[in-house]
């Protein structure tokens, strides 16, 4: 781990000011905000992340879950994953989010990890975490070792010739299905970004994973009001039953009238370079009967553009089965 300066912020404006001042004074030096530290500290120990300054934001007033005037939910960036998963409003109105959170990590990590940190969780690709190997995400222009190397756990959707790393988060898959909005504050003020625009495809710049700019701070996540009559489910398929990242996962929300689907949202995890919403699967569901044939057609549509690598073609069939099973669970609820 490289030496770094450390400071503590007590309000969002101060945190942003400290980060901006440090970047200016040190000619764009890397500044990182830390809360739970469940990802950042690991990467700093591996010399993957080498910030010149770390700003502790645990004392910011961003740890509340509140109802919004329109009946939605406002989630502070510092709300711990355990608290969010077990919040009464989340369990009642957004159960898919609670299920996704409880499927991730371990109880101890969920007690530390935060909503904002989870949004910024970085890939578990072994080459990204190994500074002895080339990785375009870590060192742009150096190459992608995974394409011709170990890629069993990596993405089949949204990949490029420069990066095939998968997004590891469970929470973000559920937030994508729920069409969350990310509230960001920076030196130029506040902006609200739909989650579908928050994450970036790797393209030829895989080092840029989100729309976050230097000094930006996530303050809240906004959820729209619950969809009337919708049922939801999160299913995670993995190599072992606990403390493991998804090979494939699905977050689904479905509302039906008389056996005909009138509303559908489908998001996938473990198979995409970002949390992967599938409008194709949704279109295959809406207006159709809620039966296995419809669910299979939706699963095929979701994976139609998949591009497997040498070791992960199994993920295509696995993801299809995951979608079908999640939809069947909702239909039988």
Protein backbone atom coordinates (compact mmCIF):
# COMPACT_ATOMS: atom_id res chain seq x y z
CA UNK A 1 0.00 0.00 0.00
CA UNK A 2 1.28 3.42 -0.99
CA UNK A 3 1.36 6.33 1.53
CA UNK A 4 -1.64 8.67 1.41
CA UNK A 5 -3.03 11.70 3.21
CA UNK A 6 -6.16 11.15 5.30
CA UNK A 7 -8.89 13.56 6.37
CA UNK A 8 -12.45 13.41 7.70
CA UNK A 9 -15.43 15.35 6.35
CA UNK A 10 -18.49 16.33 8.37
CA UNK A 11 -20.80 17.54 5.59
CA UNK A 12 -21.08 16.83 1.84
CA UNK A 13 -19.98 20.31 0.77
CA UNK A 14 -16.82 20.00 2.85
CA UNK A 15 -16.05 16.56 1.42
CA UNK A 16 -16.39 17.81 -2.15
CA UNK A 17 -14.31 20.90 -1.41
CA UNK A 18 -11.50 18.85 0.15
CA UNK A 19 -11.43 16.47 -2.82
CA UNK A 20 -11.45 19.32 -5.33
CA UNK A 21 -8.71 21.22 -3.49
CA UNK A 22 -6.51 18.13 -3.24
CA UNK A 23 -6.89 17.37 -6.96
CA UNK A 24 -6.04 20.98 -7.89
CA UNK A 25 -3.08 21.27 -5.53
CA UNK A 26 -1.59 17.96 -6.66
CA UNK A 27 -2.32 18.33 -10.38
CA UNK A 28 -5.20 15.90 -10.64
CA UNK A 29 -3.98 13.44 -8.01
CA UNK A 30 -6.43 10.66 -7.18
CA UNK A 31 -8.77 11.31 -4.24
CA UNK A 32 -11.08 8.64 -2.86
CA UNK A 33 -13.98 8.81 -0.43
CA UNK A 34 -14.14 5.94 2.07
CA UNK A 35 -17.06 4.71 4.16
CA UNK A 36 -17.23 0.95 4.76
CA UNK A 37 -14.08 0.42 2.71
CA UNK A 38 -15.01 -3.15 1.81
CA UNK A 39 -13.76 -2.70 -1.75
CA UNK A 40 -11.45 0.32 -1.62
CA UNK A 41 -9.18 -0.89 1.17
CA UNK A 42 -8.71 -4.28 -0.51
CA UNK A 43 -7.69 -2.60 -3.76
CA UNK A 44 -5.35 -0.22 -1.97
CA UNK A 45 -3.58 -3.16 -0.33
CA UNK A 46 -3.12 -4.69 -3.78
CA UNK A 47 -1.83 -1.38 -5.24
CA UNK A 48 -4.69 -1.40 -7.73
CA UNK A 49 -6.03 1.79 -6.17
CA UNK A 50 -3.31 4.26 -5.13
CA UNK A 51 -5.04 7.49 -4.07
CA UNK A 52 -2.94 10.36 -2.83
CA UNK A 53 -5.71 11.32 -0.39
CA UNK A 54 -8.51 9.40 1.30
CA UNK A 55 -11.47 11.32 2.74
CA UNK A 56 -13.53 9.60 5.46
CA UNK A 57 -17.23 10.36 4.84
CA UNK A 58 -18.74 8.22 7.59
CA UNK A 59 -19.83 11.32 9.53
CA UNK A 60 -21.89 12.80 6.70
CA UNK A 61 -25.68 12.93 7.29
CA UNK A 62 -26.44 10.42 4.53
CA UNK A 63 -27.49 7.31 6.45
CA UNK A 64 -31.29 7.60 6.36
CA UNK A 65 -34.04 5.88 4.37
CA UNK A 66 -36.96 8.24 3.79
CA UNK A 67 -40.24 8.31 1.89
CA UNK A 68 -40.45 10.84 -0.93
CA UNK A 69 -43.57 12.99 -1.53
CA UNK A 70 -44.55 10.89 -4.56
CA UNK A 71 -44.46 7.64 -2.55
CA UNK A 72 -41.01 6.55 -3.65
CA UNK A 73 -37.94 6.02 -1.49
CA UNK A 74 -34.84 8.13 -0.82
CA UNK A 75 -31.85 6.06 0.28
CA UNK A 76 -28.80 7.79 1.72
CA UNK A 77 -25.44 6.82 0.26
CA UNK A 78 -24.18 5.77 3.71
CA UNK A 79 -27.05 3.40 4.50
CA UNK A 80 -25.44 0.05 5.28
CA UNK A 81 -26.46 -2.91 3.17
CA UNK A 82 -27.80 -4.82 6.19
CA UNK A 83 -29.95 -1.90 7.29
CA UNK A 84 -31.33 -1.38 3.79
CA UNK A 85 -32.08 -5.07 3.26
CA UNK A 86 -34.00 -5.25 6.53
CA UNK A 87 -35.80 -1.92 6.29
CA UNK A 88 -39.56 -2.41 6.56
CA UNK A 89 -40.38 -0.19 3.55
CA UNK A 90 -37.85 -1.99 1.37
CA UNK A 91 -39.08 -5.45 2.36
CA UNK A 92 -42.71 -4.46 1.77
CA UNK A 93 -42.49 -2.35 -1.39
CA UNK A 94 -39.15 -3.32 -3.00
CA UNK A 95 -38.54 -6.95 -1.94
CA UNK A 96 -36.33 -7.60 -4.97
CA UNK A 97 -33.81 -5.12 -3.52
CA UNK A 98 -33.86 -6.76 -0.11
CA UNK A 99 -33.35 -10.18 -1.69
CA UNK A 100 -30.43 -8.96 -3.81
CA UNK A 101 -28.69 -7.34 -0.85
CA UNK A 102 -29.06 -10.45 1.30
CA UNK A 103 -27.64 -12.58 -1.52
CA UNK A 104 -24.42 -10.56 -1.55
CA UNK A 105 -21.22 -10.96 0.46
CA UNK A 106 -21.47 -12.06 4.12
CA UNK A 107 -23.30 -10.69 7.13
CA UNK A 108 -20.17 -8.99 8.40
CA UNK A 109 -19.52 -7.26 5.06
CA UNK A 110 -23.15 -6.23 4.69
CA UNK A 111 -22.90 -4.56 8.10
CA UNK A 112 -20.08 -2.36 6.75
CA UNK A 113 -20.79 -1.93 3.04
CA UNK A 114 -22.79 1.13 1.98
CA UNK A 115 -25.25 1.93 -0.77
CA UNK A 116 -22.89 4.42 -2.44
CA UNK A 117 -19.92 2.10 -2.17
CA UNK A 118 -21.87 -0.77 -3.67
CA UNK A 119 -22.75 1.36 -6.68
CA UNK A 120 -19.02 1.90 -7.24
CA UNK A 121 -17.98 -1.71 -6.57
CA UNK A 122 -15.29 -2.79 -9.01
CA UNK A 123 -14.85 -5.98 -10.98
CA UNK A 124 -13.49 -9.20 -9.52
CA UNK A 125 -11.57 -10.05 -12.71
CA UNK A 126 -8.35 -11.69 -11.50
CA UNK A 127 -6.23 -9.69 -13.95
CA UNK A 128 -7.63 -6.37 -12.77
CA UNK A 129 -6.60 -7.26 -9.23
CA UNK A 130 -3.12 -8.53 -10.22
CA UNK A 131 -0.77 -5.64 -10.99
CA UNK A 132 1.74 -8.04 -12.54
CA UNK A 133 -0.55 -8.63 -15.52
CA UNK A 134 -1.78 -6.31 -18.30
CA UNK A 135 -5.27 -4.83 -17.77
CA UNK A 136 -6.80 -2.01 -19.79
CA UNK A 137 -9.16 -1.15 -16.94
CA UNK A 138 -6.29 -0.66 -14.52
CA UNK A 139 -3.66 0.57 -17.00
CA UNK A 140 -5.23 1.83 -20.26
CA UNK A 141 -3.51 0.58 -23.37
CA UNK A 142 -1.73 -2.33 -21.71
CA UNK A 143 -4.07 -5.01 -23.07
CA UNK A 144 -6.73 -7.37 -21.73
CA UNK A 145 -5.24 -10.55 -20.31
CA UNK A 146 -8.66 -12.12 -19.78
CA UNK A 147 -9.58 -12.41 -23.46
CA UNK A 148 -6.97 -15.13 -24.03
CA UNK A 149 -6.71 -16.13 -20.37
CA UNK A 150 -8.98 -17.15 -17.50
CA UNK A 151 -12.42 -15.78 -18.31
CA UNK A 152 -14.91 -18.28 -16.86
CA UNK A 153 -16.48 -15.72 -14.51
CA UNK A 154 -16.49 -12.77 -16.90
CA UNK A 155 -19.05 -11.04 -19.09
CA UNK A 156 -20.82 -12.15 -22.26
CA UNK A 157 -22.91 -8.98 -22.71
CA UNK A 158 -21.56 -5.49 -23.37
CA UNK A 159 -17.97 -6.62 -23.90
CA UNK A 160 -15.41 -5.07 -26.22
CA UNK A 161 -12.02 -5.98 -27.61
CA UNK A 162 -10.51 -3.98 -24.76
CA UNK A 163 -12.35 -5.45 -21.75
CA UNK A 164 -14.65 -8.34 -20.82
CA UNK A 165 -14.78 -7.76 -17.04
CA UNK A 166 -18.16 -8.36 -15.39
CA UNK A 167 -19.85 -6.08 -12.87
CA UNK A 168 -19.94 -7.95 -9.53
CA UNK A 169 -22.82 -6.25 -7.68
CA UNK A 170 -26.13 -7.85 -6.68
CA UNK A 171 -27.68 -4.63 -5.37
CA UNK A 172 -27.11 -2.81 -8.65
CA UNK A 173 -29.00 -5.46 -10.62
CA UNK A 174 -32.08 -4.92 -8.45
CA UNK A 175 -31.70 -1.13 -8.64
CA UNK A 176 -31.54 -1.41 -12.42
CA UNK A 177 -34.78 -3.38 -12.55
CA UNK A 178 -36.35 -0.81 -10.20
CA UNK A 179 -35.17 2.06 -12.45
CA UNK A 180 -33.37 3.89 -9.67
CA UNK A 181 -31.93 7.39 -10.01
CA UNK A 182 -28.48 8.24 -8.62
CA UNK A 183 -28.06 11.66 -7.01
CA UNK A 184 -24.51 13.03 -7.36
CA UNK A 185 -22.98 16.21 -5.97
CA UNK A 186 -19.80 17.69 -7.35
CA UNK A 187 -17.93 20.95 -7.76
CA UNK A 188 -20.51 22.07 -10.35
CA UNK A 189 -23.55 21.25 -8.23
CA UNK A 190 -26.04 18.40 -8.03
CA UNK A 191 -27.26 16.18 -10.83
CA UNK A 192 -29.62 13.20 -11.02
CA UNK A 193 -28.62 10.32 -13.26
CA UNK A 194 -30.89 7.40 -14.19
CA UNK A 195 -29.11 4.17 -13.30
CA UNK A 196 -29.22 3.07 -16.94
CA UNK A 197 -26.99 6.03 -17.76
CA UNK A 198 -24.82 5.83 -14.65
CA UNK A 199 -22.80 2.78 -15.71
CA UNK A 200 -20.71 2.90 -18.90
CA UNK A 201 -19.89 0.16 -21.37
CA UNK A 202 -16.14 -0.53 -21.67
CA UNK A 203 -15.80 0.25 -25.37
CA UNK A 204 -12.24 1.45 -25.90
CA UNK A 205 -12.11 3.25 -22.51
CA UNK A 206 -12.74 0.50 -19.92
CA UNK A 207 -11.05 2.57 -17.22
CA UNK A 208 -14.20 4.72 -17.15
CA UNK A 209 -16.87 2.61 -15.44
CA UNK A 210 -19.42 5.27 -14.45
CA UNK A 211 -20.26 8.91 -15.16
CA UNK A 212 -18.60 9.96 -11.89
CA UNK A 213 -16.08 12.79 -12.24
CA UNK A 214 -13.12 13.53 -9.90
CA UNK A 215 -14.46 14.92 -6.63
CA UNK A 216 -18.03 13.69 -7.26
CA UNK A 217 -19.91 12.30 -4.27
CA UNK A 218 -22.97 10.05 -4.43
CA UNK A 219 -25.44 11.38 -1.85
CA UNK A 220 -28.64 9.42 -2.43
CA UNK A 221 -30.44 6.82 -4.49
CA UNK A 222 -34.06 7.53 -5.45
CA UNK A 223 -36.57 4.76 -6.14
CA UNK A 224 -39.84 5.51 -7.94
CA UNK A 225 -43.12 4.58 -6.28
CA UNK A 226 -43.83 0.84 -6.32
CA UNK A 227 -45.49 -0.38 -9.50
CA UNK A 228 -49.11 -1.27 -8.61
CA UNK A 229 -49.69 -5.00 -8.57
CA UNK A 230 -46.10 -5.89 -9.45
CA UNK A 231 -44.43 -8.92 -7.96
CA UNK A 232 -40.66 -9.29 -7.95
CA UNK A 233 -37.89 -11.78 -7.36
CA UNK A 234 -34.08 -11.87 -7.35
CA UNK A 235 -32.38 -15.15 -8.19
CA UNK A 236 -28.62 -15.62 -7.95
CA UNK A 237 -26.78 -18.63 -9.37
CA UNK A 238 -23.24 -19.20 -8.12
CA UNK A 239 -20.62 -21.86 -7.54
CA UNK A 240 -21.39 -22.14 -3.83
CA UNK A 241 -24.32 -21.21 -1.62
CA UNK A 242 -22.84 -18.21 0.19
CA UNK A 243 -20.16 -15.52 0.01
CA UNK A 244 -19.73 -15.90 -3.73
CA UNK A 245 -20.24 -13.68 -6.75
CA UNK A 246 -22.92 -14.49 -9.31
CA UNK A 247 -22.25 -16.54 -12.42
CA UNK A 248 -25.68 -15.34 -13.48
CA UNK A 249 -28.48 -13.54 -11.67
CA UNK A 250 -31.84 -12.04 -12.55
CA UNK A 251 -34.01 -9.34 -10.98
CA UNK A 252 -37.54 -9.40 -12.38
CA UNK A 253 -40.70 -7.35 -11.75
CA UNK A 254 -43.97 -8.43 -13.34
CA UNK A 255 -47.56 -7.21 -13.09
CA UNK A 256 -50.37 -9.18 -14.74
CA UNK A 257 -54.06 -8.70 -15.41
CA UNK A 258 -56.08 -11.85 -15.94
CA UNK A 259 -52.98 -13.87 -16.76
CA UNK A 260 -51.70 -11.33 -19.30
CA UNK A 261 -48.50 -9.46 -18.47
CA UNK A 262 -48.98 -5.67 -18.56
CA UNK A 263 -45.70 -4.58 -16.95
CA UNK A 264 -42.25 -6.21 -16.93
CA UNK A 265 -38.73 -5.24 -15.96
CA UNK A 266 -35.81 -7.64 -16.35
CA UNK A 267 -32.21 -7.04 -15.28
CA UNK A 268 -29.30 -9.47 -15.30
CA UNK A 269 -26.15 -9.76 -13.22
CA UNK A 270 -22.95 -11.78 -13.56
CA UNK A 271 -23.15 -11.78 -17.36
CA UNK A 272 -22.76 -8.11 -18.24
CA UNK A 273 -19.98 -5.54 -18.11
CA UNK A 274 -22.54 -3.46 -16.22
CA UNK A 275 -25.83 -4.32 -14.50
CA UNK A 276 -27.74 -5.38 -17.58
CA UNK A 277 -31.33 -4.33 -18.19
CA UNK A 278 -32.97 -6.20 -21.05
CA UNK A 279 -35.66 -4.24 -22.93
CA UNK A 280 -35.72 -7.16 -25.37
CA UNK A 281 -36.86 -9.55 -22.65
CA UNK A 282 -39.40 -7.03 -21.40
CA UNK A 283 -40.89 -6.62 -24.87
CA UNK A 284 -41.16 -10.39 -25.17
CA UNK A 285 -43.20 -10.46 -21.94
CA UNK A 286 -45.58 -7.49 -22.14
CA UNK A 287 -48.96 -8.40 -23.61
CA UNK A 288 -48.23 -12.11 -23.45
CA UNK A 289 -49.59 -14.90 -21.25
CA UNK A 290 -47.60 -15.61 -18.11
CA UNK A 291 -46.45 -19.13 -18.97
CA UNK A 292 -43.22 -21.02 -19.51
CA UNK A 293 -43.22 -20.54 -23.28
CA UNK A 294 -43.39 -16.77 -22.83
CA UNK A 295 -40.67 -16.85 -20.18
CA UNK A 296 -38.41 -18.94 -22.44
CA UNK A 297 -38.90 -16.47 -25.29
CA UNK A 298 -37.97 -13.62 -22.95
CA UNK A 299 -34.85 -15.47 -21.80
CA UNK A 300 -33.79 -16.09 -25.40
CA UNK A 301 -34.30 -12.41 -26.19
CA UNK A 302 -32.24 -11.35 -23.17
CA UNK A 303 -29.22 -13.36 -24.28
CA UNK A 304 -29.54 -12.94 -28.05
CA UNK A 305 -26.53 -10.62 -28.33
CA UNK A 306 -24.26 -12.54 -25.96
CA UNK A 307 -20.65 -13.00 -27.07
CA UNK A 308 -18.96 -15.74 -25.06
CA UNK A 309 -15.26 -16.20 -24.56
CA UNK A 310 -13.27 -19.44 -24.48
CA UNK A 311 -14.44 -20.55 -21.02
CA UNK A 312 -17.79 -18.89 -20.32
CA UNK A 313 -20.21 -19.94 -23.06
CA UNK A 314 -22.09 -21.93 -20.38
CA UNK A 315 -23.25 -18.59 -18.96
CA UNK A 316 -25.65 -18.08 -21.85
CA UNK A 317 -27.75 -21.14 -21.04
CA UNK A 318 -27.31 -20.56 -17.31
CA UNK A 319 -28.62 -16.99 -17.59
CA UNK A 320 -31.60 -18.14 -19.65
CA UNK A 321 -32.53 -20.69 -17.02
CA UNK A 322 -32.06 -18.06 -14.34
CA UNK A 323 -34.51 -15.70 -16.06
CA UNK A 324 -37.08 -18.46 -16.62
CA UNK A 325 -36.85 -19.61 -13.01
CA UNK A 326 -37.15 -16.06 -11.61
CA UNK A 327 -40.19 -15.35 -13.81
CA UNK A 328 -41.78 -18.65 -12.86
CA UNK A 329 -41.32 -17.86 -9.17
CA UNK A 330 -43.07 -14.52 -9.65
CA UNK A 331 -45.89 -16.09 -11.67
CA UNK A 332 -46.47 -18.72 -8.97
CA UNK A 333 -46.34 -16.23 -6.09
